[in-house]
Amino acid sequence: MIATKQSRRILLKKVLVAAVSLSLMGALAGCEKKDEKVKIAMVVKNLGNGFFDAAHEGANEAAKELGNTEIIYTGPTTPTAEGQIEIINSLISQHVDAIVISANDPNALVPITKKAMQRGIKVISFDSGVAKDGRLMQLNPSSAQLIGEKQIEMAADDIGGAGEIAILSASAQATNQNIWIDVMKKVLQKPEYSKLKLVATVYGDDQSDKSYREAIGLLRSNPNLKAIIAPTTVGIVAASKAVVDEHLVGKVFVTGLGLPSEMAGHVKNGAVREFAIWNPIDLGYAATYAASEFVKGKAGKNSVSAGRMGKLVIDENGEAALAPPFTYNKDNVDKFARIF
């Protein structure tokens, strides 16, 4: 009887010790989890691109505001899907919490981003989207309709509403570029643009040298060309340089989407009268903030918070739009060139 009581006391003591140990371990684990940084990787189309450098600045701003957040900024040296796939494989091995990506190819990336999501990584695309099955949300910088309309409107204004125009795009697979071009073609069918004629669409693959060669080709193959629309920050710079080098300033105007810091000189030399862009700092900030909300389980089915950018409304395709594009010209380009 005494031995039984002693055995019970010993057993009870062991149970209590084990319970306290488990409780302490749980508390410590909770502290470790709480103190562990959220790792968000921003995978851009290619490194050395001013637009994405500005987006990186926005990502860092969001990380500072969120606290306990680490940004891994990366991308291939040339804008290829293969390069991004290799990087994402590496990020999966690093056990990042989220990937925010601007896709070089919407469909080629789906298998690898699905693999990332199966491992618990939250995948959001921004700027140029991954196909729906390969991400949780796509953050468009603006709406396709507004972007397409804006670019045709600027080209028409530049050349007095009549004449031949051409488009210098990024790659033929770039999701955003293709959507905007489709919108532009539809806008051109409106009566007010009946005197504009789209004579060619070419692709510079978002590489400066190739974009420049394609722009030169447009100018030499189309002697009556009046405007080049480049819905790409790399292409608009290359096209502007081509117009200057071919001594066509004042005869051919370049417009599209560009960075103020890269376009100020071309506005001043007359190759460009006006161009547009959303703020890539805001875009990088909003995408990063939204990714953090997904990681923390705070994102709703139809909306997600984007900090100072407000609440993003997510449509049935899992897409959200940030803001309409803003016009830059000789009156304001210097001011914004100091920012991005």
C-alpha atoms as a PDB file:
ATOM      1  CA  MET A   1       0.000   0.000   0.000  1.00  0.00           C
ATOM      2  CA  ILE A   2       2.838   2.363   0.977  1.00  0.00           C
ATOM      3  CA  ALA A   3       4.789   1.400  -2.125  1.00  0.00           C
ATOM      4  CA  THR A   4       1.695   2.094  -4.223  1.00  0.00           C
ATOM      5  CA  LYS A   5       1.278   5.563  -2.692  1.00  0.00           C
ATOM      6  CA  GLN A   6       4.941   6.343  -3.289  1.00  0.00           C
ATOM      7  CA  SER A   7       4.662   5.144  -6.859  1.00  0.00           C
ATOM      8  CA  ARG A   8       1.662   7.388  -7.366  1.00  0.00           C
ATOM      9  CA  ARG A   9       3.505  10.371  -5.892  1.00  0.00           C
ATOM     10  CA  ILE A  10       6.505   9.760  -8.144  1.00  0.00           C
ATOM     11  CA  LEU A  11       4.265   9.333 -11.183  1.00  0.00           C
ATOM     12  CA  LEU A  12       2.345  12.512 -10.344  1.00  0.00           C
ATOM     13  CA  LYS A  13       5.602  14.421  -9.906  1.00  0.00           C
ATOM     14  CA  LYS A  14       6.832  13.203 -13.291  1.00  0.00           C
ATOM     15  CA  VAL A  15       3.562  14.213 -14.950  1.00  0.00           C
ATOM     16  CA  LEU A  16       3.737  17.695 -13.402  1.00  0.00           C
ATOM     17  CA  VAL A  17       7.369  18.155 -14.475  1.00  0.00           C
ATOM     18  CA  ALA A  18       6.530  17.031 -17.995  1.00  0.00           C
ATOM     19  CA  ALA A  19       3.541  19.376 -18.162  1.00  0.00           C
ATOM     20  CA  VAL A  20       5.619  22.340 -16.973  1.00  0.00           C
ATOM     21  CA  SER A  21       8.359  21.457 -19.463  1.00  0.00           C
ATOM     22  CA  LEU A  22       5.900  21.256 -22.327  1.00  0.00           C
ATOM     23  CA  SER A  23       4.350  24.552 -21.275  1.00  0.00           C
ATOM     24  CA  LEU A  24       7.737  26.251 -21.209  1.00  0.00           C
ATOM     25  CA  MET A  25       8.695  24.751 -24.562  1.00  0.00           C
ATOM     26  CA  GLY A  26       5.426  25.972 -26.045  1.00  0.00           C
ATOM     27  CA  ALA A  27       5.997  29.447 -24.666  1.00  0.00           C
ATOM     28  CA  LEU A  28       9.545  29.529 -25.996  1.00  0.00           C
ATOM     29  CA  ALA A  29       8.391  28.244 -29.379  1.00  0.00           C
ATOM     30  CA  GLY A  30       5.761  30.954 -29.420  1.00  0.00           C
ATOM     31  CA  CYS A  31       8.424  33.571 -28.675  1.00  0.00           C
ATOM     32  CA  GLU A  32      10.659  32.205 -31.424  1.00  0.00           C
ATOM     33  CA  LYS A  33       7.779  32.284 -33.905  1.00  0.00           C
ATOM     34  CA  LYS A  34       6.828  35.769 -32.827  1.00  0.00           C
ATOM     35  CA  ASP A  35      10.397  37.046 -33.121  1.00  0.00           C
ATOM     36  CA  GLU A  36      11.096  35.292 -36.426  1.00  0.00           C
ATOM     37  CA  LYS A  37      11.259  37.722 -39.349  1.00  0.00           C
ATOM     38  CA  VAL A  38       8.774  37.474 -42.188  1.00  0.00           C
ATOM     39  CA  LYS A  39      10.807  36.923 -45.354  1.00  0.00           C
ATOM     40  CA  ILE A  40       9.295  38.422 -48.511  1.00  0.00           C
ATOM     41  CA  ALA A  41      11.146  37.917 -51.789  1.00  0.00           C
ATOM     42  CA  MET A  42      10.575  40.420 -54.587  1.00  0.00           C
ATOM     43  CA  VAL A  43      11.411  38.715 -57.894  1.00  0.00           C
ATOM     44  CA  VAL A  44      11.613  41.260 -60.709  1.00  0.00           C
ATOM     45  CA  LYS A  45      11.825  40.778 -64.457  1.00  0.00           C
ATOM     46  CA  ASN A  46      15.512  41.643 -64.498  1.00  0.00           C
ATOM     47  CA  LEU A  47      18.033  43.427 -62.338  1.00  0.00           C
ATOM     48  CA  GLY A  48      19.313  46.868 -63.347  1.00  0.00           C
ATOM     49  CA  ASN A  49      15.840  48.057 -64.369  1.00  0.00           C
ATOM     50  CA  GLY A  50      15.038  51.505 -62.915  1.00  0.00           C
ATOM     51  CA  PHE A  51      11.331  50.755 -62.587  1.00  0.00           C
ATOM     52  CA  PHE A  52      11.965  47.760 -60.361  1.00  0.00           C
ATOM     53  CA  ASP A  53      14.681  49.543 -58.400  1.00  0.00           C
ATOM     54  CA  ALA A  54      11.974  52.066 -57.473  1.00  0.00           C
ATOM     55  CA  ALA A  55       9.566  49.218 -56.623  1.00  0.00           C
ATOM     56  CA  HIS A  56      12.284  47.828 -54.344  1.00  0.00           C
ATOM     57  CA  GLU A  57      12.404  51.175 -52.550  1.00  0.00           C
ATOM     58  CA  GLY A  58       8.656  50.886 -51.945  1.00  0.00           C
ATOM     59  CA  ALA A  59       9.076  47.328 -50.671  1.00  0.00           C
ATOM     60  CA  ASN A  60      11.667  48.503 -48.155  1.00  0.00           C
ATOM     61  CA  GLU A  61       9.311  51.270 -47.030  1.00  0.00           C
ATOM     62  CA  ALA A  62       6.535  48.726 -46.421  1.00  0.00           C
ATOM     63  CA  ALA A  63       8.912  46.395 -44.562  1.00  0.00           C
ATOM     64  CA  LYS A  64      10.003  49.208 -42.252  1.00  0.00           C
ATOM     65  CA  GLU A  65       6.390  50.141 -41.579  1.00  0.00           C
ATOM     66  CA  LEU A  66       5.325  46.540 -40.965  1.00  0.00           C
ATOM     67  CA  GLY A  67       8.307  45.765 -38.759  1.00  0.00           C
ATOM     68  CA  ASN A  68      10.042  42.406 -38.353  1.00  0.00           C
ATOM     69  CA  THR A  69      10.061  41.973 -42.145  1.00  0.00           C
ATOM     70  CA  GLU A  70      13.005  41.144 -44.409  1.00  0.00           C
ATOM     71  CA  ILE A  71      12.986  41.927 -48.152  1.00  0.00           C
ATOM     72  CA  ILE A  72      14.966  39.712 -50.505  1.00  0.00           C
ATOM     73  CA  TYR A  73      15.303  41.622 -53.790  1.00  0.00           C
ATOM     74  CA  THR A  74      16.283  39.444 -56.710  1.00  0.00           C
ATOM     75  CA  GLY A  75      15.790  38.727 -60.414  1.00  0.00           C
ATOM     76  CA  PRO A  76      17.618  37.349 -63.445  1.00  0.00           C
ATOM     77  CA  THR A  77      20.199  39.414 -65.326  1.00  0.00           C
ATOM     78  CA  THR A  78      18.113  39.123 -68.496  1.00  0.00           C
ATOM     79  CA  PRO A  79      14.292  39.080 -68.514  1.00  0.00           C
ATOM     80  CA  THR A  80      13.540  35.374 -69.066  1.00  0.00           C
ATOM     81  CA  ALA A  81      11.081  32.967 -67.478  1.00  0.00           C
ATOM     82  CA  GLU A  82      13.883  30.396 -67.167  1.00  0.00           C
ATOM     83  CA  GLY A  83      15.891  32.796 -65.015  1.00  0.00           C
ATOM     84  CA  GLN A  84      12.922  33.462 -62.744  1.00  0.00           C
ATOM     85  CA  ILE A  85      12.141  29.743 -62.404  1.00  0.00           C
ATOM     86  CA  GLU A  86      15.684  29.069 -61.222  1.00  0.00           C
ATOM     87  CA  ILE A  87      15.429  31.880 -58.662  1.00  0.00           C
ATOM     88  CA  ILE A  88      12.061  30.684 -57.325  1.00  0.00           C
ATOM     89  CA  ASN A  89      13.469  27.180 -56.865  1.00  0.00           C
ATOM     90  CA  SER A  90      16.195  28.696 -54.726  1.00  0.00           C
ATOM     91  CA  LEU A  91      13.679  30.747 -52.731  1.00  0.00           C
ATOM     92  CA  ILE A  92      11.631  27.614 -52.004  1.00  0.00           C
ATOM     93  CA  SER A  93      14.786  26.042 -50.538  1.00  0.00           C
ATOM     94  CA  GLN A  94      15.293  29.162 -48.421  1.00  0.00           C
ATOM     95  CA  HIS A  95      11.779  28.780 -46.971  1.00  0.00           C
ATOM     96  CA  VAL A  96      10.704  32.361 -47.643  1.00  0.00           C
ATOM     97  CA  ASP A  97       7.229  33.311 -46.449  1.00  0.00           C
ATOM     98  CA  ALA A  98       6.076  35.111 -49.596  1.00  0.00           C
ATOM     99  CA  ILE A  99       7.111  35.773 -53.177  1.00  0.00           C
ATOM    100  CA  VAL A 100       6.096  38.973 -54.946  1.00  0.00           C
ATOM    101  CA  ILE A 101       6.862  38.610 -58.652  1.00  0.00           C
ATOM    102  CA  SER A 102       6.596  40.491 -61.949  1.00  0.00           C
ATOM    103  CA  ALA A 103       6.401  37.676 -64.482  1.00  0.00           C
ATOM    104  CA  ASN A 104       8.377  37.366 -67.696  1.00  0.00           C
ATOM    105  CA  ASP A 105       5.911  34.739 -68.883  1.00  0.00           C
ATOM    106  CA  PRO A 106       2.438  34.257 -67.341  1.00  0.00           C
ATOM    107  CA  ASN A 107       2.108  30.541 -67.999  1.00  0.00           C
ATOM    108  CA  ALA A 108       5.673  29.218 -67.859  1.00  0.00           C
ATOM    109  CA  LEU A 109       5.944  30.222 -64.208  1.00  0.00           C
ATOM    110  CA  VAL A 110       2.760  28.490 -63.030  1.00  0.00           C
ATOM    111  CA  PRO A 111       4.276  25.051 -62.215  1.00  0.00           C
ATOM    112  CA  ILE A 112       7.042  26.538 -60.061  1.00  0.00           C
ATOM    113  CA  THR A 113       4.810  29.086 -58.302  1.00  0.00           C
ATOM    114  CA  LYS A 114       2.250  26.338 -57.606  1.00  0.00           C
ATOM    115  CA  LYS A 115       5.058  24.302 -56.093  1.00  0.00           C
ATOM    116  CA  ALA A 116       5.952  27.291 -53.906  1.00  0.00           C
ATOM    117  CA  MET A 117       2.352  27.652 -52.748  1.00  0.00           C
ATOM    118  CA  GLN A 118       2.162  23.929 -51.954  1.00  0.00           C
ATOM    119  CA  ARG A 119       5.111  24.524 -49.622  1.00  0.00           C
ATOM    120  CA  GLY A 120       3.150  27.230 -47.820  1.00  0.00           C
ATOM    121  CA  ILE A 121       4.688  30.221 -49.582  1.00  0.00           C
ATOM    122  CA  LYS A 122       2.255  33.014 -50.435  1.00  0.00           C
ATOM    123  CA  VAL A 123       2.685  34.051 -54.083  1.00  0.00           C
ATOM    124  CA  ILE A 124       1.495  37.414 -55.367  1.00  0.00           C
ATOM    125  CA  SER A 125       2.245  38.808 -58.811  1.00  0.00           C
ATOM    126  CA  PHE A 126       2.440  42.512 -59.562  1.00  0.00           C
ATOM    127  CA  ASP A 127       2.981  44.633 -62.666  1.00  0.00           C
ATOM    128  CA  SER A 128       3.129  41.697 -65.116  1.00  0.00           C
ATOM    129  CA  GLY A 129       0.966  38.861 -63.832  1.00  0.00           C
ATOM    130  CA  VAL A 130       1.341  35.146 -63.349  1.00  0.00           C
ATOM    131  CA  ALA A 131      -1.661  33.178 -64.661  1.00  0.00           C
ATOM    132  CA  LYS A 132      -4.473  32.762 -62.127  1.00  0.00           C
ATOM    133  CA  ASP A 133      -3.591  29.188 -61.045  1.00  0.00           C
ATOM    134  CA  GLY A 134      -0.084  30.259 -60.090  1.00  0.00           C
ATOM    135  CA  ARG A 135      -0.745  33.045 -57.589  1.00  0.00           C
ATOM    136  CA  LEU A 136      -3.097  34.273 -54.882  1.00  0.00           C
ATOM    137  CA  MET A 137      -3.486  37.767 -56.280  1.00  0.00           C
ATOM    138  CA  GLN A 138      -2.330  39.941 -59.177  1.00  0.00           C
ATOM    139  CA  LEU A 139      -1.767  43.620 -58.395  1.00  0.00           C
ATOM    140  CA  ASN A 140      -2.141  45.661 -61.559  1.00  0.00           C
ATOM    141  CA  PRO A 141      -0.563  49.137 -61.399  1.00  0.00           C
ATOM    142  CA  SER A 142      -3.682  50.536 -63.015  1.00  0.00           C
ATOM    143  CA  SER A 143      -6.575  49.213 -65.076  1.00  0.00           C
ATOM    144  CA  ALA A 144      -5.790  47.982 -68.573  1.00  0.00           C
ATOM    145  CA  GLN A 145      -8.522  50.166 -70.029  1.00  0.00           C
ATOM    146  CA  LEU A 146      -7.151  53.361 -68.509  1.00  0.00           C
ATOM    147  CA  ILE A 147      -3.578  52.539 -69.537  1.00  0.00           C
ATOM    148  CA  GLY A 148      -4.512  51.737 -73.132  1.00  0.00           C
ATOM    149  CA  GLU A 149      -6.684  54.824 -73.494  1.00  0.00           C
ATOM    150  CA  LYS A 150      -4.019  57.051 -71.981  1.00  0.00           C
ATOM    151  CA  GLN A 151      -1.319  55.980 -74.418  1.00  0.00           C
ATOM    152  CA  ILE A 152      -3.461  56.475 -77.509  1.00  0.00           C
ATOM    153  CA  GLU A 153      -4.641  59.820 -76.151  1.00  0.00           C
ATOM    154  CA  MET A 154      -1.046  61.017 -75.654  1.00  0.00           C
ATOM    155  CA  ALA A 155       0.028  59.862 -79.126  1.00  0.00           C
ATOM    156  CA  ALA A 156      -2.963  61.616 -80.710  1.00  0.00           C
ATOM    157  CA  ASP A 157      -2.206  64.826 -78.836  1.00  0.00           C
ATOM    158  CA  ASP A 158       1.435  64.704 -79.903  1.00  0.00           C
ATOM    159  CA  ILE A 159       0.700  64.464 -83.626  1.00  0.00           C
ATOM    160  CA  GLY A 160      -2.498  66.473 -83.945  1.00  0.00           C
ATOM    161  CA  GLY A 161      -4.825  63.481 -84.096  1.00  0.00           C
ATOM    162  CA  ALA A 162      -3.710  62.144 -87.486  1.00  0.00           C
ATOM    163  CA  GLY A 163      -0.876  60.020 -88.888  1.00  0.00           C
ATOM    164  CA  GLU A 164       0.938  56.710 -88.676  1.00  0.00           C
ATOM    165  CA  ILE A 165       1.882  55.286 -85.301  1.00  0.00           C
ATOM    166  CA  ALA A 166       3.780  52.182 -84.170  1.00  0.00           C
ATOM    167  CA  ILE A 167       4.175  50.251 -80.919  1.00  0.00           C
ATOM    168  CA  LEU A 168       7.491  49.132 -79.423  1.00  0.00           C
ATOM    169  CA  SER A 169       6.648  46.594 -76.707  1.00  0.00           C
ATOM    170  CA  ALA A 170       8.667  44.442 -74.317  1.00  0.00           C
ATOM    171  CA  SER A 171       8.554  40.699 -75.002  1.00  0.00           C
ATOM    172  CA  ALA A 172       5.812  39.040 -77.029  1.00  0.00           C
ATOM    173  CA  GLN A 173       4.917  37.019 -73.912  1.00  0.00           C
ATOM    174  CA  ALA A 174       4.662  39.936 -71.450  1.00  0.00           C
ATOM    175  CA  THR A 175       1.176  39.707 -69.960  1.00  0.00           C
ATOM    176  CA  ASN A 176       0.652  43.361 -69.193  1.00  0.00           C
ATOM    177  CA  GLN A 177       2.067  44.613 -72.488  1.00  0.00           C
ATOM    178  CA  ASN A 178      -0.205  42.362 -74.528  1.00  0.00           C
ATOM    179  CA  ILE A 179      -3.312  43.349 -72.582  1.00  0.00           C
ATOM    180  CA  TRP A 180      -2.543  47.054 -73.019  1.00  0.00           C
ATOM    181  CA  ILE A 181      -1.866  46.619 -76.731  1.00  0.00           C
ATOM    182  CA  ASP A 182      -5.219  44.858 -77.184  1.00  0.00           C
ATOM    183  CA  VAL A 183      -6.928  47.780 -75.440  1.00  0.00           C
ATOM    184  CA  MET A 184      -5.029  50.280 -77.614  1.00  0.00           C
ATOM    185  CA  LYS A 185      -6.196  48.531 -80.767  1.00  0.00           C
ATOM    186  CA  LYS A 186      -9.808  48.711 -79.575  1.00  0.00           C
ATOM    187  CA  VAL A 187      -9.447  52.379 -78.629  1.00  0.00           C
ATOM    188  CA  LEU A 188      -8.132  53.111 -82.130  1.00  0.00           C
ATOM    189  CA  GLN A 189     -11.470  51.938 -83.513  1.00  0.00           C
ATOM    190  CA  LYS A 190     -13.253  54.868 -81.871  1.00  0.00           C
ATOM    191  CA  PRO A 191     -14.382  57.633 -84.264  1.00  0.00           C
ATOM    192  CA  GLU A 192     -12.192  60.271 -82.630  1.00  0.00           C
ATOM    193  CA  TYR A 193      -9.086  58.259 -83.517  1.00  0.00           C
ATOM    194  CA  SER A 194     -10.095  57.320 -87.068  1.00  0.00           C
ATOM    195  CA  LYS A 195      -7.183  59.314 -88.516  1.00  0.00           C
ATOM    196  CA  LEU A 196      -4.574  57.358 -86.588  1.00  0.00           C
ATOM    197  CA  LYS A 197      -3.123  54.296 -88.326  1.00  0.00           C
ATOM    198  CA  LEU A 198      -1.204  51.587 -86.473  1.00  0.00           C
ATOM    199  CA  VAL A 199       1.412  50.369 -88.962  1.00  0.00           C
ATOM    200  CA  ALA A 200       3.545  48.019 -86.840  1.00  0.00           C
ATOM    201  CA  THR A 201       4.052  46.371 -83.459  1.00  0.00           C
ATOM    202  CA  VAL A 202       7.584  45.225 -82.618  1.00  0.00           C
ATOM    203  CA  TYR A 203       9.259  43.712 -79.554  1.00  0.00           C
ATOM    204  CA  GLY A 204      12.506  44.706 -77.879  1.00  0.00           C
ATOM    205  CA  ASP A 205      12.344  42.075 -75.097  1.00  0.00           C
ATOM    206  CA  ASP A 206      12.922  44.824 -72.511  1.00  0.00           C
ATOM    207  CA  GLN A 207      16.582  44.952 -73.526  1.00  0.00           C
ATOM    208  CA  SER A 208      18.049  48.354 -74.338  1.00  0.00           C
ATOM    209  CA  ASP A 209      20.111  47.333 -77.366  1.00  0.00           C
ATOM    210  CA  LYS A 210      17.387  45.244 -78.997  1.00  0.00           C
ATOM    211  CA  SER A 211      14.721  47.879 -78.289  1.00  0.00           C
ATOM    212  CA  TYR A 212      16.969  50.507 -79.876  1.00  0.00           C
ATOM    213  CA  ARG A 213      17.488  48.367 -82.990  1.00  0.00           C
ATOM    214  CA  GLU A 214      13.750  47.731 -83.291  1.00  0.00           C
ATOM    215  CA  ALA A 215      13.044  51.481 -82.978  1.00  0.00           C
ATOM    216  CA  ILE A 216      15.608  52.274 -85.665  1.00  0.00           C
ATOM    217  CA  GLY A 217      13.946  49.656 -87.858  1.00  0.00           C
ATOM    218  CA  LEU A 218      10.544  51.274 -87.364  1.00  0.00           C
ATOM    219  CA  LEU A 219      11.863  54.711 -88.286  1.00  0.00           C
ATOM    220  CA  ARG A 220      13.651  53.532 -91.426  1.00  0.00           C
ATOM    221  CA  SER A 221      10.883  51.188 -92.613  1.00  0.00           C
ATOM    222  CA  ASN A 222       8.089  53.712 -92.118  1.00  0.00           C
ATOM    223  CA  PRO A 223       9.105  57.127 -93.527  1.00  0.00           C
ATOM    224  CA  ASN A 224       5.673  58.591 -92.705  1.00  0.00           C
ATOM    225  CA  LEU A 225       5.740  57.479 -89.083  1.00  0.00           C
ATOM    226  CA  LYS A 226       4.632  60.209 -86.681  1.00  0.00           C
ATOM    227  CA  ALA A 227       4.709  58.537 -83.255  1.00  0.00           C
ATOM    228  CA  ILE A 228       6.090  55.521 -81.406  1.00  0.00           C
ATOM    229  CA  ILE A 229       4.228  54.258 -78.346  1.00  0.00           C
ATOM    230  CA  ALA A 230       6.447  52.256 -75.982  1.00  0.00           C
ATOM    231  CA  PRO A 231       4.497  50.806 -73.021  1.00  0.00           C
ATOM    232  CA  THR A 232       7.786  49.775 -71.389  1.00  0.00           C
ATOM    233  CA  THR A 233      10.327  51.836 -69.447  1.00  0.00           C
ATOM    234  CA  VAL A 234      13.220  50.261 -71.354  1.00  0.00           C
ATOM    235  CA  GLY A 235      11.587  50.680 -74.760  1.00  0.00           C
ATOM    236  CA  ILE A 236      10.596  54.329 -74.368  1.00  0.00           C
ATOM    237  CA  VAL A 237      14.177  55.346 -73.557  1.00  0.00           C
ATOM    238  CA  ALA A 238      15.537  53.343 -76.481  1.00  0.00           C
ATOM    239  CA  ALA A 239      12.957  54.772 -78.901  1.00  0.00           C
ATOM    240  CA  SER A 240      13.677  58.321 -77.755  1.00  0.00           C
ATOM    241  CA  LYS A 241      17.393  57.827 -78.370  1.00  0.00           C
ATOM    242  CA  ALA A 242      16.662  56.379 -81.802  1.00  0.00           C
ATOM    243  CA  VAL A 243      14.602  59.447 -82.763  1.00  0.00           C
ATOM    244  CA  VAL A 244      17.455  61.720 -81.678  1.00  0.00           C
ATOM    245  CA  ASP A 245      20.113  59.655 -83.475  1.00  0.00           C
ATOM    246  CA  GLU A 246      18.061  59.576 -86.679  1.00  0.00           C
ATOM    247  CA  HIS A 247      17.637  63.392 -86.513  1.00  0.00           C
ATOM    248  CA  LEU A 248      13.852  63.100 -86.390  1.00  0.00           C
ATOM    249  CA  VAL A 249      13.139  65.250 -83.331  1.00  0.00           C
ATOM    250  CA  GLY A 250      10.019  67.277 -84.055  1.00  0.00           C
ATOM    251  CA  LYS A 251       8.989  64.897 -86.849  1.00  0.00           C
ATOM    252  CA  VAL A 252       8.469  61.731 -84.828  1.00  0.00           C
ATOM    253  CA  PHE A 253       7.329  61.808 -81.202  1.00  0.00           C
ATOM    254  CA  VAL A 254       7.783  59.094 -78.594  1.00  0.00           C
ATOM    255  CA  THR A 255       5.308  58.445 -75.789  1.00  0.00           C
ATOM    256  CA  GLY A 256       4.281  55.583 -73.540  1.00  0.00           C
ATOM    257  CA  LEU A 257       5.302  54.492 -70.053  1.00  0.00           C
ATOM    258  CA  GLY A 258       8.591  55.727 -68.614  1.00  0.00           C
ATOM    259  CA  LEU A 259      10.453  56.778 -65.489  1.00  0.00           C
ATOM    260  CA  PRO A 260      10.837  60.537 -64.935  1.00  0.00           C
ATOM    261  CA  SER A 261      14.516  60.147 -64.000  1.00  0.00           C
ATOM    262  CA  GLU A 262      15.223  58.424 -67.317  1.00  0.00           C
ATOM    263  CA  MET A 263      12.923  60.578 -69.461  1.00  0.00           C
ATOM    264  CA  ALA A 264      13.679  64.128 -68.281  1.00  0.00           C
ATOM    265  CA  GLY A 265      16.468  64.591 -70.827  1.00  0.00           C
ATOM    266  CA  HIS A 266      14.322  63.375 -73.717  1.00  0.00           C
ATOM    267  CA  VAL A 267      11.490  65.695 -72.700  1.00  0.00           C
ATOM    268  CA  LYS A 268      13.969  68.569 -72.771  1.00  0.00           C
ATOM    269  CA  ASN A 269      15.458  67.617 -76.148  1.00  0.00           C
ATOM    270  CA  GLY A 270      11.993  67.398 -77.738  1.00  0.00           C
ATOM    271  CA  ALA A 271      11.888  63.694 -78.590  1.00  0.00           C
ATOM    272  CA  VAL A 272       9.112  63.305 -75.987  1.00  0.00           C
ATOM    273  CA  ARG A 273       6.323  65.771 -75.235  1.00  0.00           C
ATOM    274  CA  GLU A 274       4.597  63.722 -72.552  1.00  0.00           C
ATOM    275  CA  PHE A 275       4.581  60.234 -71.120  1.00  0.00           C
ATOM    276  CA  ALA A 276       2.852  58.432 -68.261  1.00  0.00           C
ATOM    277  CA  ILE A 277       3.582  56.019 -65.452  1.00  0.00           C
ATOM    278  CA  TRP A 278       2.146  55.029 -62.114  1.00  0.00           C
ATOM    279  CA  ASN A 279       4.426  55.432 -59.160  1.00  0.00           C
ATOM    280  CA  PRO A 280       6.539  52.239 -58.947  1.00  0.00           C
ATOM    281  CA  ILE A 281       7.428  53.086 -55.354  1.00  0.00           C
ATOM    282  CA  ASP A 282       3.732  52.894 -54.452  1.00  0.00           C
ATOM    283  CA  LEU A 283       3.366  49.685 -56.470  1.00  0.00           C
ATOM    284  CA  GLY A 284       6.235  47.939 -54.693  1.00  0.00           C
ATOM    285  CA  TYR A 285       4.961  49.182 -51.344  1.00  0.00           C
ATOM    286  CA  ALA A 286       1.392  47.978 -51.928  1.00  0.00           C
ATOM    287  CA  ALA A 287       2.446  44.554 -53.259  1.00  0.00           C
ATOM    288  CA  THR A 288       4.755  43.971 -50.306  1.00  0.00           C
ATOM    289  CA  TYR A 289       2.175  45.105 -47.763  1.00  0.00           C
ATOM    290  CA  ALA A 290      -0.468  42.858 -49.332  1.00  0.00           C
ATOM    291  CA  ALA A 291       1.929  39.897 -49.305  1.00  0.00           C
ATOM    292  CA  SER A 292       2.499  40.425 -45.592  1.00  0.00           C
ATOM    293  CA  GLU A 293      -1.265  40.435 -44.998  1.00  0.00           C
ATOM    294  CA  PHE A 294      -1.554  37.081 -46.813  1.00  0.00           C
ATOM    295  CA  VAL A 295       1.280  35.638 -44.728  1.00  0.00           C
ATOM    296  CA  LYS A 296      -0.434  36.744 -41.508  1.00  0.00           C
ATOM    297  CA  GLY A 297      -3.808  35.394 -42.644  1.00  0.00           C
ATOM    298  CA  LYS A 298      -5.355  38.868 -42.629  1.00  0.00           C
ATOM    299  CA  ALA A 299      -6.267  39.049 -46.334  1.00  0.00           C
ATOM    300  CA  GLY A 300      -9.954  38.776 -47.118  1.00  0.00           C
ATOM    301  CA  LYS A 301     -11.525  36.932 -50.013  1.00  0.00           C
ATOM    302  CA  ASN A 302     -12.406  40.142 -51.858  1.00  0.00           C
ATOM    303  CA  SER A 303     -10.011  42.686 -50.401  1.00  0.00           C
ATOM    304  CA  VAL A 304      -6.651  43.182 -48.730  1.00  0.00           C
ATOM    305  CA  SER A 305      -5.081  46.100 -46.909  1.00  0.00           C
ATOM    306  CA  ALA A 306      -2.190  47.912 -48.602  1.00  0.00           C
ATOM    307  CA  GLY A 307      -1.209  50.271 -45.818  1.00  0.00           C
ATOM    308  CA  ARG A 308      -1.097  53.921 -46.873  1.00  0.00           C
ATOM    309  CA  MET A 309      -2.442  52.931 -50.313  1.00  0.00           C
ATOM    310  CA  GLY A 310      -5.725  51.895 -48.717  1.00  0.00           C
ATOM    311  CA  LYS A 311      -7.749  48.762 -49.311  1.00  0.00           C
ATOM    312  CA  LEU A 312      -7.304  46.839 -52.562  1.00  0.00           C
ATOM    313  CA  VAL A 313     -10.485  45.340 -54.009  1.00  0.00           C
ATOM    314  CA  ILE A 314      -9.883  41.878 -55.491  1.00  0.00           C
ATOM    315  CA  ASP A 315     -12.139  40.870 -58.394  1.00  0.00           C
ATOM    316  CA  GLU A 316     -13.364  37.416 -59.421  1.00  0.00           C
ATOM    317  CA  ASN A 317     -10.121  36.793 -61.330  1.00  0.00           C
ATOM    318  CA  GLY A 318      -8.038  37.485 -58.255  1.00  0.00           C
ATOM    319  CA  GLU A 319      -6.874  40.844 -59.601  1.00  0.00           C
ATOM    320  CA  ALA A 320      -6.713  44.307 -58.061  1.00  0.00           C
ATOM    321  CA  ALA A 321      -5.846  47.705 -59.574  1.00  0.00           C
ATOM    322  CA  LEU A 322      -3.772  50.305 -57.756  1.00  0.00           C
ATOM    323  CA  ALA A 323      -4.337  53.682 -59.452  1.00  0.00           C
ATOM    324  CA  PRO A 324      -4.680  55.446 -62.840  1.00  0.00           C
ATOM    325  CA  PRO A 325      -1.468  56.434 -64.697  1.00  0.00           C
ATOM    326  CA  PHE A 326      -0.089  59.935 -64.189  1.00  0.00           C
ATOM    327  CA  THR A 327       1.094  62.247 -66.978  1.00  0.00           C
ATOM    328  CA  TYR A 328       4.580  63.777 -66.959  1.00  0.00           C
ATOM    329  CA  ASN A 329       5.757  66.635 -69.189  1.00  0.00           C
ATOM    330  CA  LYS A 330       8.147  69.600 -69.193  1.00  0.00           C
ATOM    331  CA  ASP A 331       6.190  71.241 -66.369  1.00  0.00           C
ATOM    332  CA  ASN A 332       6.656  68.494 -63.796  1.00  0.00           C
ATOM    333  CA  VAL A 333       9.245  65.965 -64.984  1.00  0.00           C
ATOM    334  CA  ASP A 334      12.195  67.494 -63.100  1.00  0.00           C
ATOM    335  CA  LYS A 335      10.309  67.411 -59.823  1.00  0.00           C
ATOM    336  CA  PHE A 336       9.533  63.705 -60.146  1.00  0.00           C
ATOM    337  CA  ALA A 337      12.920  62.834 -61.644  1.00  0.00           C
ATOM    338  CA  ARG A 338      14.441  63.534 -58.249  1.00  0.00           C
ATOM    339  CA  ILE A 339      12.160  60.879 -56.716  1.00  0.00           C
ATOM    340  CA  PHE A 340      12.290  58.006 -59.216  1.00  0.00           C
END
